[in-house]
Structure formats: C-alpha cells, structure tokens
C-alpha cells in the first residue's frame, strides 16, 4: 500500500529516533528472528506510520507509551486501528512498559496473536460471509498438478 511522500519522510525520520522499547523489540523482530516472520520498522501505510509491520500476517504491532492513554490519543488510536482494519490489517497494541519488563514475553505475545484470526497473506479482508476454510487451492507450499 502506498503512502504519501510526507508520511514516507516521517517514517524515515522515526527510524532514526526510535524509543528504547521500540529498539529492544526491533532486536527481537529484525532479520526474521521471530519464527522466520519478516517485520519492517516504522513502516508507512496510507497516512500512518506503523511501529512494526508484518505483511505476511497483515499485522501491525504498536508499542504504546504513557501518552497513548491520555487526552484524545485513545480516540485517535481507535480511529487509526479502524482504518487499518478496513485495509485488512490487524493492530496489536503492546504497552511500552511490557516490552521493557520482558522482550521475550512480548515476542511470545506477538506470536500468540499472529495466528489469532484467519487472514489472507495479502489483499483486503474476505467478503462478508466467505468461508475461509473452504478453498480449492492446494495447501500452502504444495503445487497442484493438472495431469
């Protein structure tokens, strides 16, 4: 998904100024260290910059500091999460204090939520009423033969 030039510039700047909890979590996510999943840091999508994003899971991971609990931030975060969900992207919000307490527990939380809902590897969410279990496609990693 494309992002405006301004959002891409903002993402680039944010990559250089990540918070300590973001840096610690990034160490556990980068280079496919989490079960081979590829995450991007400070990834621009539409008008937003996601702390971490895994395209294969269509999952955004947001590390929320204290400021996310004050003022109009909860409402703004909810609006952002709804917009992302409309694009087929789930958001997992993790308090920064939890990352600081245990990066390993945070990584386990991400893994536990990675398969929480059936998701397509890419594209928008399925149309209402579509059965995700029924598919004519072969299982992932297998090829169909037309002998």
N, C-alpha and C. Protein backbone atom coordinates (compact mmCIF):
# COMPACT_ATOMS: atom_id res chain seq x y z
N UNK A 1 0.85 -1.16 0.00
CA UNK A 1 0.00 0.00 0.00
C UNK A 1 0.90 1.23 0.00
N UNK A 2 0.57 2.16 -0.82
CA UNK A 2 1.38 3.35 -0.97
C UNK A 2 1.08 4.36 0.14
N UNK A 3 2.04 5.22 0.38
CA UNK A 3 1.88 6.27 1.38
C UNK A 3 2.32 7.59 0.77
N UNK A 4 1.72 8.69 1.21
CA UNK A 4 2.14 9.99 0.69
C UNK A 4 3.61 10.27 1.02
N UNK A 5 4.22 11.11 0.21
CA UNK A 5 5.64 11.44 0.38
C UNK A 5 5.92 11.95 1.81
N UNK A 6 5.03 12.77 2.33
CA UNK A 6 5.20 13.31 3.68
C UNK A 6 5.26 12.18 4.72
N UNK A 7 4.39 11.18 4.58
CA UNK A 7 4.37 10.05 5.51
C UNK A 7 5.65 9.23 5.38
N UNK A 8 6.13 9.04 4.17
CA UNK A 8 7.37 8.29 3.96
C UNK A 8 8.56 9.02 4.59
N UNK A 9 8.60 10.35 4.44
CA UNK A 9 9.68 11.14 5.07
C UNK A 9 9.61 11.03 6.59
N UNK A 10 8.40 11.10 7.13
CA UNK A 10 8.20 10.97 8.57
C UNK A 10 8.68 9.60 9.05
N UNK A 11 8.36 8.54 8.32
CA UNK A 11 8.79 7.19 8.69
C UNK A 11 10.31 7.09 8.73
N UNK A 12 10.95 7.69 7.75
CA UNK A 12 12.42 7.66 7.68
C UNK A 12 13.02 8.34 8.91
N UNK A 13 12.45 9.48 9.30
CA UNK A 13 12.93 10.19 10.48
C UNK A 13 12.68 9.37 11.75
N UNK A 14 11.52 8.74 11.84
CA UNK A 14 11.18 7.94 13.02
C UNK A 14 12.10 6.73 13.18
N UNK A 15 12.60 6.19 12.08
CA UNK A 15 13.52 5.05 12.16
C UNK A 15 14.81 5.43 12.90
N UNK A 16 15.18 6.70 12.80
CA UNK A 16 16.42 7.16 13.45
C UNK A 16 16.19 7.55 14.91
N UNK A 17 14.94 7.70 15.33
CA UNK A 17 14.65 8.19 16.68
C UNK A 17 13.71 7.25 17.44
N UNK A 18 13.90 5.96 17.26
CA UNK A 18 13.03 5.00 17.94
C UNK A 18 13.24 5.07 19.45
N UNK A 19 12.15 4.81 20.20
CA UNK A 19 12.23 4.78 21.66
C UNK A 19 12.95 3.51 22.11
N UNK A 20 13.38 3.49 23.37
CA UNK A 20 14.08 2.31 23.89
C UNK A 20 13.22 1.04 23.76
N UNK A 21 11.93 1.05 24.15
CA UNK A 21 11.14 -0.17 23.97
C UNK A 21 11.06 -0.61 22.50
N UNK A 22 10.96 0.35 21.58
CA UNK A 22 10.92 0.01 20.15
C UNK A 22 12.24 -0.62 19.71
N UNK A 23 13.35 -0.06 20.15
CA UNK A 23 14.67 -0.61 19.79
C UNK A 23 14.82 -2.03 20.32
N UNK A 24 14.44 -2.24 21.57
CA UNK A 24 14.55 -3.58 22.16
C UNK A 24 13.69 -4.59 21.42
N UNK A 25 12.48 -4.19 21.08
CA UNK A 25 11.60 -5.10 20.34
C UNK A 25 12.13 -5.34 18.94
N UNK A 26 12.67 -4.32 18.30
CA UNK A 26 13.21 -4.47 16.95
C UNK A 26 14.34 -5.49 16.93
N UNK A 27 15.16 -5.52 17.96
CA UNK A 27 16.26 -6.50 18.04
C UNK A 27 15.70 -7.92 17.97
N UNK A 28 14.53 -8.14 18.58
CA UNK A 28 13.91 -9.47 18.54
C UNK A 28 13.15 -9.77 17.26
N UNK A 29 12.79 -8.73 16.51
CA UNK A 29 11.99 -8.93 15.30
C UNK A 29 12.82 -8.93 14.02
N UNK A 30 13.91 -8.17 14.00
CA UNK A 30 14.64 -7.99 12.75
C UNK A 30 15.29 -9.29 12.28
N UNK A 31 15.63 -9.30 11.02
CA UNK A 31 16.32 -10.43 10.39
C UNK A 31 15.56 -11.75 10.55
N UNK A 32 14.24 -11.66 10.56
CA UNK A 32 13.37 -12.85 10.63
C UNK A 32 13.64 -13.71 11.86
N UNK A 33 14.01 -13.08 12.96
CA UNK A 33 14.33 -13.82 14.19
C UNK A 33 13.10 -14.42 14.86
N UNK A 34 11.93 -13.90 14.56
CA UNK A 34 10.70 -14.40 15.19
C UNK A 34 10.04 -15.39 14.23
N UNK A 35 10.37 -16.65 14.38
CA UNK A 35 9.77 -17.73 13.59
C UNK A 35 9.85 -17.47 12.08
N UNK A 36 10.88 -16.77 11.63
CA UNK A 36 11.06 -16.52 10.21
C UNK A 36 10.16 -15.44 9.63
N UNK A 37 9.40 -14.76 10.48
CA UNK A 37 8.50 -13.71 10.00
C UNK A 37 9.28 -12.43 9.69
N UNK A 38 8.94 -11.79 8.58
CA UNK A 38 9.61 -10.57 8.17
C UNK A 38 8.83 -9.35 8.65
N UNK A 39 9.44 -8.58 9.53
CA UNK A 39 8.84 -7.35 10.04
C UNK A 39 9.62 -6.15 9.49
N UNK A 40 8.90 -5.07 9.28
CA UNK A 40 9.51 -3.79 8.91
C UNK A 40 9.31 -2.85 10.08
N UNK A 41 10.28 -1.97 10.31
CA UNK A 41 10.12 -0.99 11.39
C UNK A 41 9.72 0.35 10.80
N UNK A 42 8.91 1.08 11.55
CA UNK A 42 8.45 2.42 11.16
C UNK A 42 8.03 2.42 9.69
N UNK A 43 7.03 1.58 9.39
CA UNK A 43 6.58 1.35 8.02
C UNK A 43 5.40 2.24 7.67
N UNK A 44 5.53 3.05 6.60
CA UNK A 44 4.42 3.93 6.20
C UNK A 44 3.34 3.17 5.44
N UNK A 45 2.10 3.38 5.86
CA UNK A 45 0.93 2.82 5.16
C UNK A 45 -0.14 3.90 5.15
N UNK A 46 -0.54 4.30 3.96
CA UNK A 46 -1.53 5.37 3.87
C UNK A 46 -1.04 6.59 4.62
N UNK A 47 -1.88 7.18 5.47
CA UNK A 47 -1.46 8.37 6.20
C UNK A 47 -0.71 8.07 7.50
N UNK A 48 -0.46 6.80 7.79
CA UNK A 48 0.10 6.40 9.08
C UNK A 48 1.48 5.78 8.94
N UNK A 49 2.21 5.80 10.07
CA UNK A 49 3.49 5.10 10.18
C UNK A 49 3.31 4.07 11.29
N UNK A 50 3.51 2.79 10.94
CA UNK A 50 3.34 1.70 11.90
C UNK A 50 4.68 1.41 12.56
N UNK A 51 4.67 1.19 13.88
CA UNK A 51 5.92 0.88 14.57
C UNK A 51 6.58 -0.34 13.93
N UNK A 52 5.83 -1.43 13.80
CA UNK A 52 6.33 -2.65 13.16
C UNK A 52 5.20 -3.24 12.32
N UNK A 53 5.56 -3.81 11.18
CA UNK A 53 4.55 -4.35 10.29
C UNK A 53 5.04 -5.64 9.64
N UNK A 54 4.20 -6.67 9.69
CA UNK A 54 4.47 -7.94 9.02
C UNK A 54 3.42 -8.11 7.92
N UNK A 55 3.87 -8.01 6.67
CA UNK A 55 2.94 -8.10 5.54
C UNK A 55 2.33 -9.49 5.41
N UNK A 56 3.10 -10.52 5.69
CA UNK A 56 2.59 -11.89 5.56
C UNK A 56 1.41 -12.14 6.48
N UNK A 57 1.44 -11.52 7.66
CA UNK A 57 0.35 -11.68 8.62
C UNK A 57 -0.67 -10.55 8.55
N UNK A 58 -0.34 -9.48 7.79
CA UNK A 58 -1.17 -8.28 7.75
C UNK A 58 -1.39 -7.80 9.18
N UNK A 59 -0.26 -7.72 9.93
CA UNK A 59 -0.29 -7.39 11.35
C UNK A 59 0.61 -6.19 11.64
N UNK A 60 0.03 -5.19 12.28
CA UNK A 60 0.78 -4.04 12.77
C UNK A 60 0.97 -4.22 14.27
N UNK A 61 2.20 -3.99 14.74
CA UNK A 61 2.49 -4.05 16.16
C UNK A 61 2.87 -2.64 16.59
N UNK A 62 2.10 -2.10 17.53
CA UNK A 62 2.33 -0.75 18.03
C UNK A 62 2.79 -0.82 19.48
N UNK A 63 3.89 -0.14 19.77
CA UNK A 63 4.39 -0.04 21.13
C UNK A 63 3.87 1.29 21.69
N UNK A 64 3.00 1.20 22.67
CA UNK A 64 2.32 2.38 23.20
C UNK A 64 2.90 2.80 24.53
N UNK A 65 3.39 4.02 24.57
CA UNK A 65 3.85 4.62 25.81
C UNK A 65 2.69 5.24 26.57
N UNK A 66 3.01 5.89 27.66
CA UNK A 66 2.00 6.50 28.54
C UNK A 66 1.10 7.48 27.78
N UNK A 67 1.66 8.21 26.82
CA UNK A 67 0.90 9.23 26.10
C UNK A 67 -0.32 8.66 25.38
N UNK A 68 -0.30 7.37 25.06
CA UNK A 68 -1.42 6.76 24.34
C UNK A 68 -2.66 6.59 25.23
N UNK A 69 -2.49 6.82 26.54
CA UNK A 69 -3.61 6.70 27.47
C UNK A 69 -4.19 8.06 27.86
N UNK A 70 -3.65 9.13 27.31
CA UNK A 70 -4.06 10.46 27.75
C UNK A 70 -4.70 11.27 26.62
N UNK A 71 -5.45 12.28 27.03
CA UNK A 71 -6.05 13.21 26.07
C UNK A 71 -6.91 12.52 25.04
N UNK A 72 -6.76 12.94 23.78
CA UNK A 72 -7.57 12.37 22.71
C UNK A 72 -6.86 11.20 22.02
N UNK A 73 -5.70 10.79 22.53
CA UNK A 73 -4.96 9.70 21.90
C UNK A 73 -5.74 8.39 21.80
N UNK A 74 -6.46 7.96 22.86
CA UNK A 74 -7.22 6.71 22.71
C UNK A 74 -8.21 6.78 21.54
N UNK A 75 -8.89 7.92 21.37
CA UNK A 75 -9.84 8.07 20.27
C UNK A 75 -9.12 8.06 18.93
N UNK A 76 -7.98 8.76 18.85
CA UNK A 76 -7.21 8.79 17.60
C UNK A 76 -6.66 7.41 17.26
N UNK A 77 -6.19 6.68 18.29
CA UNK A 77 -5.69 5.32 18.07
C UNK A 77 -6.80 4.41 17.58
N UNK A 78 -7.99 4.54 18.15
CA UNK A 78 -9.12 3.72 17.72
C UNK A 78 -9.49 4.02 16.27
N UNK A 79 -9.46 5.28 15.89
CA UNK A 79 -9.76 5.66 14.50
C UNK A 79 -8.70 5.09 13.55
N UNK A 80 -7.46 5.17 13.97
CA UNK A 80 -6.35 4.62 13.16
C UNK A 80 -6.50 3.10 13.01
N UNK A 81 -6.77 2.41 14.13
CA UNK A 81 -6.93 0.95 14.09
C UNK A 81 -8.09 0.55 13.19
N UNK A 82 -9.18 1.31 13.23
CA UNK A 82 -10.33 1.02 12.37
C UNK A 82 -9.97 1.21 10.90
N UNK A 83 -9.21 2.26 10.59
CA UNK A 83 -8.80 2.49 9.21
C UNK A 83 -7.90 1.35 8.73
N UNK A 84 -6.98 0.93 9.58
CA UNK A 84 -6.10 -0.18 9.21
C UNK A 84 -6.90 -1.47 9.00
N UNK A 85 -7.85 -1.72 9.88
CA UNK A 85 -8.67 -2.93 9.76
C UNK A 85 -9.46 -2.91 8.45
N UNK A 86 -9.92 -1.75 8.05
CA UNK A 86 -10.63 -1.63 6.77
C UNK A 86 -9.70 -1.95 5.59
N UNK A 87 -8.40 -1.81 5.81
CA UNK A 87 -7.41 -2.16 4.79
C UNK A 87 -6.98 -3.62 4.91
N UNK A 88 -7.54 -4.34 5.89
CA UNK A 88 -7.20 -5.75 6.09
C UNK A 88 -6.01 -5.96 7.01
N UNK A 89 -5.68 -4.96 7.82
CA UNK A 89 -4.52 -5.04 8.71
C UNK A 89 -4.99 -4.98 10.16
N UNK A 90 -4.65 -6.02 10.92
CA UNK A 90 -4.96 -6.02 12.36
C UNK A 90 -3.88 -5.26 13.10
N UNK A 91 -4.23 -4.67 14.23
CA UNK A 91 -3.28 -3.95 15.06
C UNK A 91 -3.19 -4.61 16.42
N UNK A 92 -1.96 -4.88 16.84
CA UNK A 92 -1.69 -5.40 18.18
C UNK A 92 -0.98 -4.29 18.94
N UNK A 93 -1.63 -3.79 19.99
CA UNK A 93 -1.04 -2.71 20.79
C UNK A 93 -0.42 -3.31 22.04
N UNK A 94 0.85 -2.99 22.27
CA UNK A 94 1.59 -3.52 23.42
C UNK A 94 2.11 -2.33 24.22
N UNK A 95 1.80 -2.27 25.52
CA UNK A 95 2.32 -1.19 26.34
C UNK A 95 3.85 -1.24 26.40
N UNK A 96 4.47 -0.08 26.30
CA UNK A 96 5.94 0.00 26.33
C UNK A 96 6.51 -0.62 27.61
N UNK A 97 5.80 -0.47 28.70
CA UNK A 97 6.26 -1.00 29.98
C UNK A 97 6.39 -2.53 29.92
N UNK A 98 5.51 -3.18 29.14
CA UNK A 98 5.60 -4.64 29.00
C UNK A 98 6.83 -5.04 28.19
N UNK A 99 7.16 -4.25 27.18
CA UNK A 99 8.37 -4.53 26.39
C UNK A 99 9.59 -4.39 27.29
N UNK A 100 9.63 -3.33 28.09
CA UNK A 100 10.76 -3.11 28.98
C UNK A 100 10.87 -4.21 30.04
N UNK A 101 9.73 -4.73 30.49
CA UNK A 101 9.74 -5.79 31.51
C UNK A 101 10.27 -7.10 30.94
N UNK A 102 9.90 -7.43 29.70
CA UNK A 102 10.36 -8.69 29.11
C UNK A 102 10.13 -8.70 27.60
N UNK A 103 11.20 -8.57 26.87
CA UNK A 103 11.10 -8.63 25.41
C UNK A 103 10.66 -10.03 24.98
N UNK A 104 11.16 -11.05 25.67
CA UNK A 104 10.78 -12.42 25.31
C UNK A 104 9.28 -12.66 25.47
N UNK A 105 8.70 -12.16 26.55
CA UNK A 105 7.25 -12.29 26.75
C UNK A 105 6.49 -11.51 25.67
N UNK A 106 7.03 -10.37 25.29
CA UNK A 106 6.39 -9.56 24.25
C UNK A 106 6.42 -10.31 22.92
N UNK A 107 7.54 -10.91 22.60
CA UNK A 107 7.64 -11.69 21.36
C UNK A 107 6.67 -12.87 21.38
N UNK A 108 6.53 -13.51 22.54
CA UNK A 108 5.57 -14.61 22.67
C UNK A 108 4.15 -14.11 22.46
N UNK A 109 3.84 -12.91 22.96
CA UNK A 109 2.52 -12.31 22.76
C UNK A 109 2.26 -12.06 21.28
N UNK A 110 3.27 -11.57 20.58
CA UNK A 110 3.13 -11.33 19.14
C UNK A 110 2.87 -12.64 18.41
N UNK A 111 3.63 -13.67 18.75
CA UNK A 111 3.42 -14.99 18.11
C UNK A 111 2.02 -15.53 18.41
N UNK A 112 1.58 -15.39 19.65
CA UNK A 112 0.25 -15.89 20.02
C UNK A 112 -0.84 -15.17 19.24
N UNK A 113 -0.62 -13.90 18.95
CA UNK A 113 -1.61 -13.12 18.21
C UNK A 113 -1.43 -13.23 16.70
N UNK A 114 -0.33 -13.76 16.27
CA UNK A 114 -0.06 -13.88 14.83
C UNK A 114 -1.10 -14.76 14.15
N UNK A 115 -1.52 -15.81 14.82
CA UNK A 115 -2.49 -16.72 14.22
C UNK A 115 -3.86 -16.60 14.84
N UNK A 116 -4.14 -15.49 15.50
CA UNK A 116 -5.42 -15.34 16.21
C UNK A 116 -6.63 -15.43 15.30
N UNK A 117 -6.55 -14.84 14.14
CA UNK A 117 -7.67 -14.86 13.19
C UNK A 117 -7.16 -15.36 11.86
N UNK A 118 -7.98 -16.08 11.11
CA UNK A 118 -7.53 -16.48 9.78
C UNK A 118 -7.42 -15.24 8.90
N UNK A 119 -6.26 -15.05 8.32
CA UNK A 119 -6.02 -13.91 7.45
C UNK A 119 -5.47 -14.39 6.12
N UNK A 120 -5.74 -13.64 5.09
CA UNK A 120 -5.13 -13.91 3.80
C UNK A 120 -3.70 -13.37 3.84
N UNK A 121 -2.77 -13.97 3.07
CA UNK A 121 -1.41 -13.47 3.10
C UNK A 121 -1.30 -12.06 2.56
N UNK A 122 -2.22 -11.63 1.70
CA UNK A 122 -2.20 -10.26 1.22
C UNK A 122 -3.58 -9.92 0.69
N UNK A 123 -3.81 -8.66 0.46
CA UNK A 123 -5.08 -8.23 -0.06
C UNK A 123 -6.05 -7.86 1.03
N UNK A 124 -7.22 -7.41 0.65
CA UNK A 124 -8.21 -6.96 1.62
C UNK A 124 -8.82 -8.13 2.36
N UNK A 125 -9.55 -7.87 3.44
CA UNK A 125 -10.20 -8.95 4.16
C UNK A 125 -11.24 -9.62 3.26
N UNK A 126 -11.60 -10.87 3.58
CA UNK A 126 -12.56 -11.58 2.74
C UNK A 126 -13.92 -10.91 2.76
N UNK A 127 -14.69 -11.09 1.70
CA UNK A 127 -16.04 -10.55 1.68
C UNK A 127 -16.87 -11.17 2.81
N UNK A 128 -17.84 -10.42 3.29
CA UNK A 128 -18.69 -10.89 4.37
C UNK A 128 -19.32 -12.23 3.99
N UNK A 129 -19.22 -13.19 4.90
CA UNK A 129 -19.85 -14.49 4.69
C UNK A 129 -18.98 -15.49 3.95
N UNK A 130 -17.79 -15.08 3.49
CA UNK A 130 -16.92 -16.03 2.78
C UNK A 130 -16.34 -17.02 3.77
N UNK A 131 -16.36 -18.29 3.43
CA UNK A 131 -15.82 -19.34 4.28
C UNK A 131 -14.34 -19.48 4.00
N UNK A 132 -13.50 -19.08 4.97
CA UNK A 132 -12.05 -19.15 4.78
C UNK A 132 -11.54 -20.58 4.79
N UNK A 133 -12.28 -21.49 5.42
CA UNK A 133 -11.82 -22.87 5.50
C UNK A 133 -11.97 -23.62 4.18
N UNK A 134 -12.94 -23.25 3.40
CA UNK A 134 -13.18 -23.93 2.13
C UNK A 134 -12.39 -23.25 1.03
N UNK A 135 -11.50 -24.01 0.42
CA UNK A 135 -10.68 -23.43 -0.63
C UNK A 135 -10.34 -24.51 -1.64
N UNK A 136 -10.37 -24.14 -2.91
CA UNK A 136 -9.98 -25.07 -3.94
C UNK A 136 -8.47 -25.06 -4.17
N UNK A 137 -7.79 -24.12 -3.54
CA UNK A 137 -6.35 -24.00 -3.72
C UNK A 137 -5.65 -25.11 -2.94
N UNK A 138 -4.50 -25.57 -3.45
CA UNK A 138 -3.75 -26.58 -2.71
C UNK A 138 -3.18 -25.98 -1.43
N UNK A 139 -2.83 -26.82 -0.46
CA UNK A 139 -2.24 -26.30 0.77
C UNK A 139 -0.97 -25.51 0.46
N UNK A 140 -0.67 -24.56 1.34
CA UNK A 140 0.50 -23.71 1.16
C UNK A 140 1.75 -24.56 0.99
N UNK A 141 2.55 -24.25 0.01
CA UNK A 141 3.80 -24.98 -0.23
C UNK A 141 3.64 -26.15 -1.18
N UNK A 142 2.43 -26.50 -1.56
CA UNK A 142 2.20 -27.59 -2.49
C UNK A 142 1.71 -27.04 -3.81
N UNK A 143 2.06 -27.71 -4.86
CA UNK A 143 1.62 -27.30 -6.18
C UNK A 143 0.52 -28.24 -6.66
N UNK A 144 -0.42 -27.71 -7.39
CA UNK A 144 -1.44 -28.57 -7.96
C UNK A 144 -0.96 -29.05 -9.33
N UNK A 145 -1.36 -30.22 -9.68
CA UNK A 145 -0.97 -30.78 -10.98
C UNK A 145 -2.21 -30.94 -11.83
N UNK A 146 -2.07 -30.69 -13.08
CA UNK A 146 -3.20 -30.83 -13.99
C UNK A 146 -2.90 -31.94 -14.99
N UNK A 147 -2.58 -33.15 -14.48
CA UNK A 147 -2.26 -34.30 -15.35
C UNK A 147 -3.48 -34.80 -16.04
